[in-house]
């Protein structure tokens, strides 16, 4: 039993060092990923007006605003489809946060009463942002979307999405297309909770 006990003791003694050696490259990789990708969505920051063409609803228009959150670097945006007089037909908010461990952007969109099930992932590919996301996840007919932001310029970008209603077996190409133009500058949303000096 003594050799077994000695082996166990030596293994336990070296375990922290081995764990540190294993964790260090991951930490370095995560930092490198964060440095490389923390600004991938900066083009979306600010205020936009857009026109759209949907294979279901036809021509449309709306407004889109995005801000960087002061804590953590996540991006919060609001997408709103409007009428000619500014009335709202549809609105959704999306939180976009970079996951350095998985080396991807992760998204969750929130519509009224739908919870936090409309999730997706995104990657920057050759200057385009590619997103795969589920919408209507809590409804009777969830849809999967393959979204592409392209022709990204300081004052404009284009957006196109394919949609599937059968779990990705078949797709409607260019189900929705958007052309956005900038109407307001990028901005950061300051702290919501502000520290105050102790009395």
Protein backbone atom coordinates (compact mmCIF):
# COMPACT_ATOMS: atom_id res chain seq x y z
CA UNK A 1 0.00 0.00 0.00
CA UNK A 2 2.89 2.36 0.70
CA UNK A 3 3.95 2.75 -2.98
CA UNK A 4 0.32 3.46 -3.89
CA UNK A 5 0.07 6.07 -1.13
CA UNK A 6 3.32 7.70 -2.26
CA UNK A 7 2.11 7.76 -5.88
CA UNK A 8 -1.19 9.29 -4.82
CA UNK A 9 0.54 11.92 -2.69
CA UNK A 10 2.94 12.87 -5.47
CA UNK A 11 0.09 13.09 -7.95
CA UNK A 12 -1.87 15.38 -5.66
CA UNK A 13 1.22 17.50 -5.08
CA UNK A 14 1.77 18.01 -8.80
CA UNK A 15 -1.89 18.42 -9.75
CA UNK A 16 -2.05 22.19 -9.10
CA UNK A 17 1.09 22.76 -11.16
CA UNK A 18 -0.25 20.64 -14.00
CA UNK A 19 -3.60 22.45 -13.85
CA UNK A 20 -1.84 25.81 -13.97
CA UNK A 21 0.19 24.70 -16.99
CA UNK A 22 -3.00 23.56 -18.72
CA UNK A 23 -4.98 26.69 -17.83
CA UNK A 24 -2.28 29.21 -18.78
CA UNK A 25 -2.46 28.62 -22.56
CA UNK A 26 -6.27 28.81 -22.42
CA UNK A 27 -6.11 32.12 -20.60
CA UNK A 28 -3.60 33.47 -23.08
CA UNK A 29 -5.74 32.25 -25.98
CA UNK A 30 -8.83 33.85 -24.50
CA UNK A 31 -7.02 37.18 -24.10
CA UNK A 32 -5.78 36.95 -27.69
CA UNK A 33 -9.28 36.13 -28.93
CA UNK A 34 -10.75 39.07 -27.02
CA UNK A 35 -8.14 41.47 -28.40
CA UNK A 36 -8.77 40.21 -31.92
CA UNK A 37 -12.58 40.27 -31.84
CA UNK A 38 -13.84 42.75 -29.23
CA UNK A 39 -14.50 45.34 -31.94
CA UNK A 40 -16.16 43.05 -34.51
CA UNK A 41 -19.58 44.66 -34.00
CA UNK A 42 -18.38 48.25 -33.68
CA UNK A 43 -19.79 49.03 -37.12
CA UNK A 44 -23.31 48.57 -35.71
CA UNK A 45 -22.91 51.17 -32.96
CA UNK A 46 -25.00 54.29 -33.46
CA UNK A 47 -28.37 55.07 -35.01
CA UNK A 48 -29.59 53.80 -38.36
CA UNK A 49 -32.57 54.14 -40.66
CA UNK A 50 -33.26 51.23 -42.98
CA UNK A 51 -35.39 50.03 -45.83
CA UNK A 52 -36.22 46.35 -46.21
CA UNK A 53 -37.64 43.86 -48.66
CA UNK A 54 -39.32 40.74 -47.25
CA UNK A 55 -40.63 37.77 -49.22
CA UNK A 56 -43.48 37.60 -46.69
CA UNK A 57 -44.36 41.26 -46.06
CA UNK A 58 -42.93 43.14 -49.04
CA UNK A 59 -41.26 46.55 -48.70
CA UNK A 60 -40.71 48.03 -45.24
CA UNK A 61 -38.73 50.57 -43.28
CA UNK A 62 -37.55 51.16 -39.75
CA UNK A 63 -34.92 52.34 -37.32
CA UNK A 64 -32.09 50.52 -35.56
CA UNK A 65 -29.92 51.70 -32.66
CA UNK A 66 -26.99 50.02 -30.92
CA UNK A 67 -24.90 51.01 -27.89
CA UNK A 68 -21.94 49.44 -26.14
CA UNK A 69 -22.59 48.65 -22.49
CA UNK A 70 -20.14 50.24 -20.10
CA UNK A 71 -19.55 46.97 -18.24
CA UNK A 72 -18.18 43.96 -20.13
CA UNK A 73 -18.12 45.37 -23.64
CA UNK A 74 -21.40 43.74 -24.74
CA UNK A 75 -23.56 45.46 -27.33
CA UNK A 76 -27.27 46.11 -26.89
CA UNK A 77 -29.37 47.03 -29.90
CA UNK A 78 -33.00 47.74 -30.67
CA UNK A 79 -34.47 46.95 -34.09
CA UNK A 80 -37.82 48.54 -34.85
CA UNK A 81 -40.02 48.17 -37.95
CA UNK A 82 -42.11 51.31 -38.39
CA UNK A 83 -44.81 52.77 -40.61
CA UNK A 84 -44.72 55.91 -42.71
CA UNK A 85 -45.92 57.97 -39.72
CA UNK A 86 -43.44 56.42 -37.28
CA UNK A 87 -45.85 53.89 -35.75
CA UNK A 88 -44.21 50.67 -34.55
CA UNK A 89 -45.20 47.38 -36.19
CA UNK A 90 -42.54 45.19 -34.60
CA UNK A 91 -39.63 45.68 -32.19
CA UNK A 92 -36.95 43.43 -30.75
CA UNK A 93 -33.85 43.94 -28.62
CA UNK A 94 -30.66 41.89 -28.92
CA UNK A 95 -27.73 41.50 -26.54
CA UNK A 96 -24.46 40.57 -28.28
CA UNK A 97 -21.50 39.37 -26.20
CA UNK A 98 -18.19 37.85 -27.26
CA UNK A 99 -17.30 34.46 -25.73
CA UNK A 100 -13.49 34.35 -25.74
CA UNK A 101 -13.37 30.71 -24.62
CA UNK A 102 -15.53 29.53 -27.54
CA UNK A 103 -14.12 32.20 -29.91
CA UNK A 104 -17.52 33.36 -31.09
CA UNK A 105 -20.13 36.03 -30.57
CA UNK A 106 -23.26 34.90 -28.76
CA UNK A 107 -26.62 36.61 -29.14
CA UNK A 108 -30.00 36.53 -27.49
CA UNK A 109 -32.97 38.48 -28.85
CA UNK A 110 -36.00 39.43 -26.78
CA UNK A 111 -39.51 40.03 -28.05
CA UNK A 112 -42.48 40.65 -25.77
CA UNK A 113 -43.31 37.48 -23.88
CA UNK A 114 -40.80 35.20 -25.64
CA UNK A 115 -38.24 34.80 -22.86
CA UNK A 116 -34.57 34.18 -23.62
CA UNK A 117 -34.80 31.36 -26.14
CA UNK A 118 -34.03 33.25 -29.39
CA UNK A 119 -30.31 32.57 -29.27
CA UNK A 120 -27.60 32.59 -31.91
CA UNK A 121 -23.89 32.73 -32.65
CA UNK A 122 -21.82 34.96 -34.89
CA UNK A 123 -18.40 35.05 -36.55
CA UNK A 124 -16.57 37.67 -38.59
CA UNK A 125 -15.68 36.10 -41.95
CA UNK A 126 -13.62 38.07 -44.52
CA UNK A 127 -15.08 41.40 -43.42
CA UNK A 128 -18.66 40.10 -43.16
CA UNK A 129 -20.54 39.21 -39.99
CA UNK A 130 -22.25 35.82 -40.30
CA UNK A 131 -24.91 34.86 -37.75
CA UNK A 132 -27.00 31.74 -37.22
CA UNK A 133 -29.97 32.32 -34.95
CA UNK A 134 -33.33 30.86 -33.98
CA UNK A 135 -36.42 33.07 -33.77
CA UNK A 136 -39.82 32.20 -32.34
CA UNK A 137 -38.22 29.46 -30.25
CA UNK A 138 -41.12 29.42 -27.78
CA UNK A 139 -43.79 29.56 -30.47
CA UNK A 140 -45.49 26.83 -32.51
CA UNK A 141 -43.18 27.22 -35.53
CA UNK A 142 -39.60 28.26 -34.71
CA UNK A 143 -37.52 29.51 -37.61
CA UNK A 144 -33.80 29.30 -38.20
CA UNK A 145 -32.02 32.21 -39.84
CA UNK A 146 -28.66 32.53 -41.57
CA UNK A 147 -27.85 36.24 -41.48
CA UNK A 148 -25.08 38.09 -43.28
CA UNK A 149 -23.97 41.69 -42.71
CA UNK A 150 -21.95 42.83 -45.72
CA UNK A 151 -20.77 45.92 -47.63
CA UNK A 152 -20.03 47.36 -44.19
CA UNK A 153 -19.04 51.03 -44.43
CA UNK A 154 -18.89 53.84 -41.84
CA UNK A 155 -22.19 55.28 -43.12
CA UNK A 156 -24.03 52.17 -44.34
CA UNK A 157 -24.28 48.38 -44.33
CA UNK A 158 -26.34 45.72 -46.05
CA UNK A 159 -28.03 42.73 -44.41
CA UNK A 160 -29.50 39.57 -45.89
CA UNK A 161 -31.06 36.50 -44.29
CA UNK A 162 -32.07 33.04 -45.43
CA UNK A 163 -34.88 31.40 -43.43
CA UNK A 164 -35.80 27.79 -42.68
CA UNK A 165 -39.04 26.55 -41.13
CA UNK A 166 -38.13 22.85 -41.12
CA UNK A 167 -35.07 22.69 -38.89
CA UNK A 168 -32.60 23.62 -41.62
CA UNK A 169 -33.59 20.99 -44.19
CA UNK A 170 -34.73 23.61 -46.71
CA UNK A 171 -34.08 27.34 -46.91
CA UNK A 172 -35.70 30.38 -48.50
CA UNK A 173 -32.78 32.42 -49.81
CA UNK A 174 -32.84 36.17 -49.20
CA UNK A 175 -36.06 35.89 -47.23
CA UNK A 176 -35.34 39.39 -45.85
CA UNK A 177 -32.92 42.03 -47.11
CA UNK A 178 -32.05 45.32 -45.39
CA UNK A 179 -30.17 48.42 -46.50
CA UNK A 180 -29.19 50.64 -43.55
CA UNK A 181 -27.78 54.17 -43.53
CA UNK A 182 -26.30 55.96 -40.54
CA UNK A 183 -28.31 58.77 -38.94
CA UNK A 184 -26.48 59.04 -35.58
CA UNK A 185 -22.96 58.49 -34.17
CA UNK A 186 -21.67 55.58 -32.12
CA UNK A 187 -22.09 55.87 -28.37
CA UNK A 188 -21.57 54.03 -25.09
CA UNK A 189 -24.31 53.48 -22.52
CA UNK A 190 -22.84 54.62 -19.19
CA UNK A 191 -23.18 52.76 -15.90
CA UNK A 192 -26.76 52.12 -14.82
CA UNK A 193 -25.68 51.66 -11.19
CA UNK A 194 -23.32 54.39 -10.04
CA UNK A 195 -21.19 54.08 -6.93
CA UNK A 196 -21.71 56.76 -4.32
CA UNK A 197 -19.33 57.73 -1.53
CA UNK A 198 -20.15 56.27 1.84
CA UNK A 199 -21.95 58.76 4.12
